[in-house]
Amino acid sequence: MTLKDYLDQKGLSTYAFAKEMSEVGREVNQSVVWRWCAGKQRPDWTTVPYITKATGGKVTALDDGLYATQRECFAAGLAIPKHYKVFRCRYVKEK
């Protein structure tokens, strides 16, 4: 599930989600959350665990495409699920 889908499903604004992020220990601005949802910016890999925590595990690094390259996945200590494959040096979910 993408972060945008999660916010839409829960009826949360980007401002409300930024507040939830601060409650789990990561201060972010509402405009940053908007850029994540719009695909204009990806969160820093150290921020992604806080996104997962704030969403109760609904949005993960690979499901939202927040980590796309093998290098980023390994740097974050993420295991690559078996249903992902490498495509142009990026991990994508197989259909």
PDB file of N, CA and C in Angstrom:
ATOM      1  N   MET A   1       0.853  -1.178   0.000  1.00  0.00           N
ATOM      2  CA  MET A   1       0.000   0.000   0.000  1.00  0.00           C
ATOM      3  C   MET A   1       0.896   1.237   0.000  1.00  0.00           C
ATOM      4  N   THR A   2       0.546   2.202  -0.818  1.00  0.00           N
ATOM      5  CA  THR A   2       1.332   3.430  -0.845  1.00  0.00           C
ATOM      6  C   THR A   2       0.902   4.346   0.303  1.00  0.00           C
ATOM      7  N   LEU A   3       1.753   5.294   0.613  1.00  0.00           N
ATOM      8  CA  LEU A   3       1.426   6.246   1.663  1.00  0.00           C
ATOM      9  C   LEU A   3       0.181   7.046   1.285  1.00  0.00           C
ATOM     10  N   LYS A   4       0.089   7.445   0.028  1.00  0.00           N
ATOM     11  CA  LYS A   4      -1.090   8.198  -0.427  1.00  0.00           C
ATOM     12  C   LYS A   4      -2.363   7.366  -0.249  1.00  0.00           C
ATOM     13  N   ASP A   5      -2.303   6.088  -0.632  1.00  0.00           N
ATOM     14  CA  ASP A   5      -3.458   5.204  -0.457  1.00  0.00           C
ATOM     15  C   ASP A   5      -3.837   5.077   1.016  1.00  0.00           C
ATOM     16  N   TYR A   6      -2.820   4.960   1.869  1.00  0.00           N
ATOM     17  CA  TYR A   6      -3.066   4.847   3.305  1.00  0.00           C
ATOM     18  C   TYR A   6      -3.770   6.100   3.828  1.00  0.00           C
ATOM     19  N   LEU A   7      -3.278   7.270   3.449  1.00  0.00           N
ATOM     20  CA  LEU A   7      -3.887   8.522   3.917  1.00  0.00           C
ATOM     21  C   LEU A   7      -5.314   8.650   3.404  1.00  0.00           C
ATOM     22  N   ASP A   8      -5.531   8.285   2.145  1.00  0.00           N
ATOM     23  CA  ASP A   8      -6.890   8.336   1.584  1.00  0.00           C
ATOM     24  C   ASP A   8      -7.829   7.380   2.313  1.00  0.00           C
ATOM     25  N   GLN A   9      -7.345   6.160   2.569  1.00  0.00           N
ATOM     26  CA  GLN A   9      -8.169   5.154   3.235  1.00  0.00           C
ATOM     27  C   GLN A   9      -8.539   5.586   4.649  1.00  0.00           C
ATOM     28  N   LYS A  10      -7.594   6.190   5.361  1.00  0.00           N
ATOM     29  CA  LYS A  10      -7.836   6.622   6.740  1.00  0.00           C
ATOM     30  C   LYS A  10      -8.477   8.003   6.820  1.00  0.00           C
ATOM     31  N   GLY A  11      -8.541   8.714   5.695  1.00  0.00           N
ATOM     32  CA  GLY A  11      -9.108  10.056   5.690  1.00  0.00           C
ATOM     33  C   GLY A  11      -8.206  11.071   6.379  1.00  0.00           C
ATOM     34  N   LEU A  12      -6.898  10.826   6.330  1.00  0.00           N
ATOM     35  CA  LEU A  12      -5.941  11.722   6.984  1.00  0.00           C
ATOM     36  C   LEU A  12      -5.390  12.742   6.002  1.00  0.00           C
ATOM     37  N   SER A  13      -5.151  13.926   6.495  1.00  0.00           N
ATOM     38  CA  SER A  13      -4.480  14.943   5.693  1.00  0.00           C
ATOM     39  C   SER A  13      -2.973  14.764   5.853  1.00  0.00           C
ATOM     40  N   THR A  14      -2.229  15.408   4.992  1.00  0.00           N
ATOM     41  CA  THR A  14      -0.770  15.351   5.123  1.00  0.00           C
ATOM     42  C   THR A  14      -0.337  16.011   6.426  1.00  0.00           C
ATOM     43  N   TYR A  15      -1.066  17.017   6.862  1.00  0.00           N
ATOM     44  CA  TYR A  15      -0.770  17.674   8.141  1.00  0.00           C
ATOM     45  C   TYR A  15      -0.966  16.697   9.307  1.00  0.00           C
ATOM     46  N   ALA A  16      -2.073  15.954   9.275  1.00  0.00           N
ATOM     47  CA  ALA A  16      -2.359  14.994  10.346  1.00  0.00           C
ATOM     48  C   ALA A  16      -1.314  13.890  10.374  1.00  0.00           C
ATOM     49  N   PHE A  17      -0.872  13.442   9.195  1.00  0.00           N
ATOM     50  CA  PHE A  17       0.145  12.396   9.168  1.00  0.00           C
ATOM     51  C   PHE A  17       1.490  12.929   9.664  1.00  0.00           C
ATOM     52  N   ALA A  18       1.818  14.164   9.336  1.00  0.00           N
ATOM     53  CA  ALA A  18       3.057  14.763   9.848  1.00  0.00           C
ATOM     54  C   ALA A  18       3.021  14.796  11.372  1.00  0.00           C
ATOM     55  N   LYS A  19       1.860  15.068  11.923  1.00  0.00           N
ATOM     56  CA  LYS A  19       1.713  15.072  13.381  1.00  0.00           C
ATOM     57  C   LYS A  19       1.903  13.654  13.938  1.00  0.00           C
ATOM     58  N   GLU A  20       1.350  12.647  13.260  1.00  0.00           N
ATOM     59  CA  GLU A  20       1.541  11.261  13.690  1.00  0.00           C
ATOM     60  C   GLU A  20       3.008  10.862  13.631  1.00  0.00           C
ATOM     61  N   MET A  21       3.699  11.345  12.617  1.00  0.00           N
ATOM     62  CA  MET A  21       5.129  11.047  12.503  1.00  0.00           C
ATOM     63  C   MET A  21       5.892  11.615  13.700  1.00  0.00           C
ATOM     64  N   SER A  22       5.526  12.806  14.116  1.00  0.00           N
ATOM     65  CA  SER A  22       6.218  13.394  15.270  1.00  0.00           C
ATOM     66  C   SER A  22       5.906  12.619  16.542  1.00  0.00           C
ATOM     67  N   GLU A  23       4.709  12.023  16.615  1.00  0.00           N
ATOM     68  CA  GLU A  23       4.343  11.230  17.785  1.00  0.00           C
ATOM     69  C   GLU A  23       5.135   9.927  17.880  1.00  0.00           C
ATOM     70  N   VAL A  24       5.609   9.411  16.743  1.00  0.00           N
ATOM     71  CA  VAL A  24       6.415   8.186  16.776  1.00  0.00           C
ATOM     72  C   VAL A  24       7.912   8.481  16.782  1.00  0.00           C
ATOM     73  N   GLY A  25       8.261   9.768  16.829  1.00  0.00           N
ATOM     74  CA  GLY A  25       9.662  10.119  17.014  1.00  0.00           C
ATOM     75  C   GLY A  25      10.385  10.761  15.856  1.00  0.00           C
ATOM     76  N   ARG A  26       9.682  11.101  14.760  1.00  0.00           N
ATOM     77  CA  ARG A  26      10.355  11.738  13.619  1.00  0.00           C
ATOM     78  C   ARG A  26       9.589  12.990  13.227  1.00  0.00           C
ATOM     79  N   GLU A  27      10.212  14.121  13.424  1.00  0.00           N
ATOM     80  CA  GLU A  27       9.603  15.403  13.049  1.00  0.00           C
ATOM     81  C   GLU A  27       9.694  15.598  11.534  1.00  0.00           C
ATOM     82  N   VAL A  28       8.561  15.789  10.889  1.00  0.00           N
ATOM     83  CA  VAL A  28       8.528  16.119   9.463  1.00  0.00           C
ATOM     84  C   VAL A  28       7.506  17.215   9.238  1.00  0.00           C
ATOM     85  N   ASN A  29       7.713  17.971   8.199  1.00  0.00           N
ATOM     86  CA  ASN A  29       6.815  19.049   7.830  1.00  0.00           C
ATOM     87  C   ASN A  29       5.706  18.502   6.942  1.00  0.00           C
ATOM     88  N   GLN A  30       4.560  19.109   6.983  1.00  0.00           N
ATOM     89  CA  GLN A  30       3.424  18.698   6.156  1.00  0.00           C
ATOM     90  C   GLN A  30       3.786  18.737   4.674  1.00  0.00           C
ATOM     91  N   SER A  31       4.559  19.728   4.265  1.00  0.00           N
ATOM     92  CA  SER A  31       4.911  19.838   2.844  1.00  0.00           C
ATOM     93  C   SER A  31       5.795  18.675   2.394  1.00  0.00           C
ATOM     94  N   VAL A  32       6.586  18.146   3.296  1.00  0.00           N
ATOM     95  CA  VAL A  32       7.433  16.993   2.980  1.00  0.00           C
ATOM     96  C   VAL A  32       6.553  15.761   2.764  1.00  0.00           C
ATOM     97  N   VAL A  33       5.564  15.579   3.634  1.00  0.00           N
ATOM     98  CA  VAL A  33       4.635  14.452   3.476  1.00  0.00           C
ATOM     99  C   VAL A  33       3.898  14.583   2.148  1.00  0.00           C
ATOM    100  N   TRP A  34       3.500  15.777   1.781  1.00  0.00           N
ATOM    101  CA  TRP A  34       2.824  16.002   0.492  1.00  0.00           C
ATOM    102  C   TRP A  34       3.733  15.590  -0.654  1.00  0.00           C
ATOM    103  N   ARG A  35       5.012  15.967  -0.596  1.00  0.00           N
ATOM    104  CA  ARG A  35       5.951  15.614  -1.665  1.00  0.00           C
ATOM    105  C   ARG A  35       6.144  14.098  -1.757  1.00  0.00           C
ATOM    106  N   TRP A  36       6.137  13.400  -0.611  1.00  0.00           N
ATOM    107  CA  TRP A  36       6.224  11.937  -0.639  1.00  0.00           C
ATOM    108  C   TRP A  36       5.016  11.357  -1.358  1.00  0.00           C
ATOM    109  N   CYS A  37       3.834  11.840  -1.002  1.00  0.00           N
ATOM    110  CA  CYS A  37       2.592  11.328  -1.603  1.00  0.00           C
ATOM    111  C   CYS A  37       2.501  11.638  -3.087  1.00  0.00           C
ATOM    112  N   ALA A  38       3.008  12.782  -3.487  1.00  0.00           N
ATOM    113  CA  ALA A  38       2.956  13.207  -4.887  1.00  0.00           C
ATOM    114  C   ALA A  38       4.057  12.561  -5.722  1.00  0.00           C
ATOM    115  N   GLY A  39       4.976  11.861  -5.067  1.00  0.00           N
ATOM    116  CA  GLY A  39       6.075  11.234  -5.797  1.00  0.00           C
ATOM    117  C   GLY A  39       7.162  12.194  -6.201  1.00  0.00           C
ATOM    118  N   LYS A  40       7.169  13.364  -5.607  1.00  0.00           N
ATOM    119  CA  LYS A  40       8.173  14.380  -5.940  1.00  0.00           C
ATOM    120  C   LYS A  40       9.471  14.179  -5.163  1.00  0.00           C
ATOM    121  N   GLN A  41       9.397  13.419  -4.081  1.00  0.00           N
ATOM    122  CA  GLN A  41      10.553  13.220  -3.213  1.00  0.00           C
ATOM    123  C   GLN A  41      10.382  11.883  -2.501  1.00  0.00           C
ATOM    124  N   ARG A  42      11.496  11.217  -2.235  1.00  0.00           N
ATOM    125  CA  ARG A  42      11.456   9.993  -1.435  1.00  0.00           C
ATOM    126  C   ARG A  42      12.015  10.311  -0.063  1.00  0.00           C
ATOM    127  N   PRO A  43      11.463   9.697   0.962  1.00  0.00           N
ATOM    128  CA  PRO A  43      12.000   9.942   2.298  1.00  0.00           C
ATOM    129  C   PRO A  43      13.390   9.341   2.454  1.00  0.00           C
ATOM    130  N   ASP A  44      14.163   9.927   3.324  1.00  0.00           N
ATOM    131  CA  ASP A  44      15.468   9.385   3.670  1.00  0.00           C
ATOM    132  C   ASP A  44      15.267   7.983   4.231  1.00  0.00           C
ATOM    133  N   TRP A  45      16.206   7.097   3.972  1.00  0.00           N
ATOM    134  CA  TRP A  45      16.018   5.706   4.401  1.00  0.00           C
ATOM    135  C   TRP A  45      15.919   5.567   5.910  1.00  0.00           C
ATOM    136  N   THR A  46      16.448   6.528   6.655  1.00  0.00           N
ATOM    137  CA  THR A  46      16.312   6.454   8.112  1.00  0.00           C
ATOM    138  C   THR A  46      14.909   6.845   8.575  1.00  0.00           C
ATOM    139  N   THR A  47      14.143   7.472   7.702  1.00  0.00           N
ATOM    140  CA  THR A  47      12.782   7.903   8.024  1.00  0.00           C
ATOM    141  C   THR A  47      11.746   6.810   7.782  1.00  0.00           C
ATOM    142  N   VAL A  48      12.039   5.903   6.865  1.00  0.00           N
ATOM    143  CA  VAL A  48      11.059   4.895   6.469  1.00  0.00           C
ATOM    144  C   VAL A  48      10.569   4.032   7.633  1.00  0.00           C
ATOM    145  N   PRO A  49      11.424   3.587   8.557  1.00  0.00           N
ATOM    146  CA  PRO A  49      10.886   2.819   9.690  1.00  0.00           C
ATOM    147  C   PRO A  49       9.850   3.597  10.508  1.00  0.00           C
ATOM    148  N   TYR A  50       9.997   4.906  10.577  1.00  0.00           N
ATOM    149  CA  TYR A  50       9.015   5.727  11.290  1.00  0.00           C
ATOM    150  C   TYR A  50       7.698   5.790  10.521  1.00  0.00           C
ATOM    151  N   ILE A  51       7.781   5.805   9.194  1.00  0.00           N
ATOM    152  CA  ILE A  51       6.562   5.778   8.374  1.00  0.00           C
ATOM    153  C   ILE A  51       5.836   4.452   8.614  1.00  0.00           C
ATOM    154  N   THR A  52       6.591   3.362   8.619  1.00  0.00           N
ATOM    155  CA  THR A  52       5.999   2.046   8.862  1.00  0.00           C
ATOM    156  C   THR A  52       5.363   1.994  10.247  1.00  0.00           C
ATOM    157  N   LYS A  53       6.047   2.559  11.230  1.00  0.00           N
ATOM    158  CA  LYS A  53       5.511   2.572  12.594  1.00  0.00           C
ATOM    159  C   LYS A  53       4.251   3.436  12.683  1.00  0.00           C
ATOM    160  N   ALA A  54       4.278   4.603  12.049  1.00  0.00           N
ATOM    161  CA  ALA A  54       3.132   5.516  12.102  1.00  0.00           C
ATOM    162  C   ALA A  54       1.908   4.948  11.394  1.00  0.00           C
ATOM    163  N   THR A  55       2.137   4.079  10.406  1.00  0.00           N
ATOM    164  CA  THR A  55       1.021   3.489   9.672  1.00  0.00           C
ATOM    165  C   THR A  55       0.637   2.116  10.212  1.00  0.00           C
ATOM    166  N   GLY A  56       1.226   1.715  11.304  1.00  0.00           N
ATOM    167  CA  GLY A  56       0.919   0.420  11.886  1.00  0.00           C
ATOM    168  C   GLY A  56       1.332  -0.743  11.002  1.00  0.00           C
ATOM    169  N   GLY A  57       2.394  -0.533  10.225  1.00  0.00           N
ATOM    170  CA  GLY A  57       2.902  -1.593   9.355  1.00  0.00           C
ATOM    171  C   GLY A  57       2.228  -1.688   8.001  1.00  0.00           C
ATOM    172  N   LYS A  58       1.295  -0.777   7.729  1.00  0.00           N
ATOM    173  CA  LYS A  58       0.569  -0.831   6.451  1.00  0.00           C
ATOM    174  C   LYS A  58       1.421  -0.355   5.273  1.00  0.00           C
ATOM    175  N   VAL A  59       2.311   0.611   5.512  1.00  0.00           N
ATOM    176  CA  VAL A  59       3.184   1.123   4.456  1.00  0.00           C
ATOM    177  C   VAL A  59       4.601   0.710   4.802  1.00  0.00           C
ATOM    178  N   THR A  60       5.190  -0.097   3.924  1.00  0.00           N
ATOM    179  CA  THR A  60       6.556  -0.545   4.143  1.00  0.00           C
ATOM    180  C   THR A  60       7.453   0.013   3.051  1.00  0.00           C
ATOM    181  N   ALA A  61       8.716  -0.145   3.239  1.00  0.00           N
ATOM    182  CA  ALA A  61       9.685   0.418   2.301  1.00  0.00           C
ATOM    183  C   ALA A  61       9.498  -0.087   0.886  1.00  0.00           C
ATOM    184  N   LEU A  62       9.337  -1.366   0.719  1.00  0.00           N
ATOM    185  CA  LEU A  62       9.223  -1.906  -0.630  1.00  0.00           C
ATOM    186  C   LEU A  62       7.835  -1.736  -1.220  1.00  0.00           C
ATOM    187  N   ASP A  63       6.797  -1.826  -0.403  1.00  0.00           N
ATOM    188  CA  ASP A  63       5.446  -1.679  -0.934  1.00  0.00           C
ATOM    189  C   ASP A  63       5.209  -0.299  -1.516  1.00  0.00           C
ATOM    190  N   ASP A  64       5.792   0.708  -0.919  1.00  0.00           N
ATOM    191  CA  ASP A  64       5.593   2.067  -1.416  1.00  0.00           C
ATOM    192  C   ASP A  64       6.673   2.467  -2.412  1.00  0.00           C
ATOM    193  N   GLY A  65       7.634   1.576  -2.662  1.00  0.00           N
ATOM    194  CA  GLY A  65       8.712   1.943  -3.576  1.00  0.00           C
ATOM    195  C   GLY A  65       9.637   2.977  -2.965  1.00  0.00           C
ATOM    196  N   LEU A  66       9.614   3.094  -1.647  1.00  0.00           N
ATOM    197  CA  LEU A  66      10.462   4.092  -1.008  1.00  0.00           C
ATOM    198  C   LEU A  66      11.933   3.727  -1.133  1.00  0.00           C
ATOM    199  N   TYR A  67      12.207   2.433  -1.065  1.00  0.00           N
ATOM    200  CA  TYR A  67      13.546   1.939  -1.379  1.00  0.00           C
ATOM    201  C   TYR A  67      13.427   1.230  -2.698  1.00  0.00           C
ATOM    202  N   ALA A  68      14.152   1.666  -3.671  1.00  0.00           N
ATOM    203  CA  ALA A  68      14.016   1.027  -4.958  1.00  0.00           C
ATOM    204  C   ALA A  68      15.288   0.315  -5.376  1.00  0.00           C
ATOM    205  N   THR A  69      16.427   0.784  -4.985  1.00  0.00           N
ATOM    206  CA  THR A  69      17.651   0.173  -5.458  1.00  0.00           C
ATOM    207  C   THR A  69      18.176  -0.845  -4.473  1.00  0.00           C
ATOM    208  N   GLN A  70      18.904  -1.798  -5.000  1.00  0.00           N
ATOM    209  CA  GLN A  70      19.485  -2.843  -4.166  1.00  0.00           C
ATOM    210  C   GLN A  70      20.399  -2.230  -3.108  1.00  0.00           C
ATOM    211  N   ARG A  71      21.159  -1.253  -3.493  1.00  0.00           N
ATOM    212  CA  ARG A  71      22.085  -0.604  -2.564  1.00  0.00           C
ATOM    213  C   ARG A  71      21.334   0.026  -1.391  1.00  0.00           C
ATOM    214  N   GLU A  72      20.231   0.708  -1.673  1.00  0.00           N
ATOM    215  CA  GLU A  72      19.447   1.330  -0.609  1.00  0.00           C
ATOM    216  C   GLU A  72      18.831   0.280   0.305  1.00  0.00           C
ATOM    217  N   CYS A  73      18.364  -0.825  -0.278  1.00  0.00           N
ATOM    218  CA  CYS A  73      17.772  -1.894   0.532  1.00  0.00           C
ATOM    219  C   CYS A  73      18.802  -2.476   1.484  1.00  0.00           C
ATOM    220  N   PHE A  74      19.977  -2.769   0.968  1.00  0.00           N
ATOM    221  CA  PHE A  74      21.008  -3.357   1.809  1.00  0.00           C
ATOM    222  C   PHE A  74      21.509  -2.360   2.848  1.00  0.00           C
ATOM    223  N   ALA A  75      21.586  -1.084   2.484  1.00  0.00           N
ATOM    224  CA  ALA A  75      22.035  -0.065   3.434  1.00  0.00           C
ATOM    225  C   ALA A  75      21.066   0.058   4.599  1.00  0.00           C
ATOM    226  N   ALA A  76      19.801  -0.167   4.327  1.00  0.00           N
ATOM    227  CA  ALA A  76      18.783  -0.076   5.371  1.00  0.00           C
ATOM    228  C   ALA A  76      18.579  -1.390   6.107  1.00  0.00           C
ATOM    229  N   GLY A  77      19.302  -2.434   5.672  1.00  0.00           N
ATOM    230  CA  GLY A  77      19.165  -3.730   6.317  1.00  0.00           C
ATOM    231  C   GLY A  77      17.856  -4.431   5.989  1.00  0.00           C
ATOM    232  N   LEU A  78      17.303  -4.140   4.813  1.00  0.00           N
ATOM    233  CA  LEU A  78      16.028  -4.742   4.420  1.00  0.00           C
ATOM    234  C   LEU A  78      16.249  -6.029   3.645  1.00  0.00           C
ATOM    235  N   ALA A  79      15.459  -7.022   3.935  1.00  0.00           N
ATOM    236  CA  ALA A  79      15.461  -8.246   3.144  1.00  0.00           C
ATOM    237  C   ALA A  79      14.529  -8.038   1.957  1.00  0.00           C
ATOM    238  N   ILE A  80      14.910  -8.572   0.834  1.00  0.00           N
ATOM    239  CA  ILE A  80      14.094  -8.427  -0.363  1.00  0.00           C
ATOM    240  C   ILE A  80      13.127  -9.612  -0.428  1.00  0.00           C
ATOM    241  N   PRO A  81      11.821  -9.365  -0.413  1.00  0.00           N
ATOM    242  CA  PRO A  81      10.857 -10.465  -0.490  1.00  0.00           C
ATOM    243  C   PRO A  81      11.007 -11.241  -1.795  1.00  0.00           C
ATOM    244  N   LYS A  82      10.637 -12.508  -1.774  1.00  0.00           N
ATOM    245  CA  LYS A  82      10.798 -13.362  -2.946  1.00  0.00           C
ATOM    246  C   LYS A  82       9.934 -12.920  -4.116  1.00  0.00           C
ATOM    247  N   HIS A  83       8.828 -12.237  -3.858  1.00  0.00           N
ATOM    248  CA  HIS A  83       7.952 -11.835  -4.959  1.00  0.00           C
ATOM    249  C   HIS A  83       8.393 -10.527  -5.619  1.00  0.00           C
ATOM    250  N   TYR A  84       9.607 -10.077  -5.322  1.00  0.00           N
ATOM    251  CA  TYR A  84      10.186  -8.919  -5.990  1.00  0.00           C
ATOM    252  C   TYR A  84      11.278  -9.392  -6.919  1.00  0.00           C
ATOM    253  N   LYS A  85      11.447  -8.730  -8.017  1.00  0.00           N
ATOM    254  CA  LYS A  85      12.518  -9.059  -8.938  1.00  0.00           C
ATOM    255  C   LYS A  85      13.281  -7.789  -9.273  1.00  0.00           C
ATOM    256  N   VAL A  86      14.456  -7.943  -9.815  1.00  0.00           N
ATOM    257  CA  VAL A  86      15.267  -6.786 -10.198  1.00  0.00           C
ATOM    258  C   VAL A  86      14.878  -6.375 -11.610  1.00  0.00           C
ATOM    259  N   PHE A  87      14.614  -5.102 -11.789  1.00  0.00           N
ATOM    260  CA  PHE A  87      14.315  -4.551 -13.101  1.00  0.00           C
ATOM    261  C   PHE A  87      15.072  -3.243 -13.231  1.00  0.00           C
ATOM    262  N   ARG A  88      16.039  -3.218 -14.116  1.00  0.00           N
ATOM    263  CA  ARG A  88      16.872  -2.027 -14.302  1.00  0.00           C
ATOM    264  C   ARG A  88      17.441  -1.530 -12.970  1.00  0.00           C
ATOM    265  N   CYS A  89      17.994  -2.454 -12.211  1.00  0.00           N
ATOM    266  CA  CYS A  89      18.619  -2.150 -10.914  1.00  0.00           C
ATOM    267  C   CYS A  89      17.624  -1.668  -9.867  1.00  0.00           C
ATOM    268  N   ARG A  90      16.339  -1.882 -10.093  1.00  0.00           N
ATOM    269  CA  ARG A  90      15.339  -1.510  -9.123  1.00  0.00           C
ATOM    270  C   ARG A  90      14.504  -2.741  -8.811  1.00  0.00           C
ATOM    271  N   TYR A  91      14.028  -2.825  -7.582  1.00  0.00           N
ATOM    272  CA  TYR A  91      13.168  -3.940  -7.210  1.00  0.00           C
ATOM    273  C   TYR A  91      11.729  -3.568  -7.494  1.00  0.00           C
ATOM    274  N   VAL A  92      11.045  -4.435  -8.195  1.00  0.00           N
ATOM    275  CA  VAL A  92       9.634  -4.199  -8.489  1.00  0.00           C
ATOM    276  C   VAL A  92       8.847  -5.453  -8.133  1.00  0.00           C
ATOM    277  N   LYS A  93       7.611  -5.266  -7.752  1.00  0.00           N
ATOM    278  CA  LYS A  93       6.752  -6.393  -7.381  1.00  0.00           C
ATOM    279  C   LYS A  93       6.327  -7.122  -8.651  1.00  0.00           C
ATOM    280  N   GLU A  94       6.475  -8.436  -8.650  1.00  0.00           N
ATOM    281  CA  GLU A  94       6.046  -9.224  -9.797  1.00  0.00           C
ATOM    282  C   GLU A  94       4.524  -9.300  -9.820  1.00  0.00           C
ATOM    283  N   LYS A  95       3.976  -9.326 -11.009  1.00  0.00           N
ATOM    284  CA  LYS A  95       2.515  -9.384 -11.151  1.00  0.00           C
ATOM    285  C   LYS A  95       2.035 -10.799 -11.189  1.00  0.00           C
TER     286      LYS A  95
END
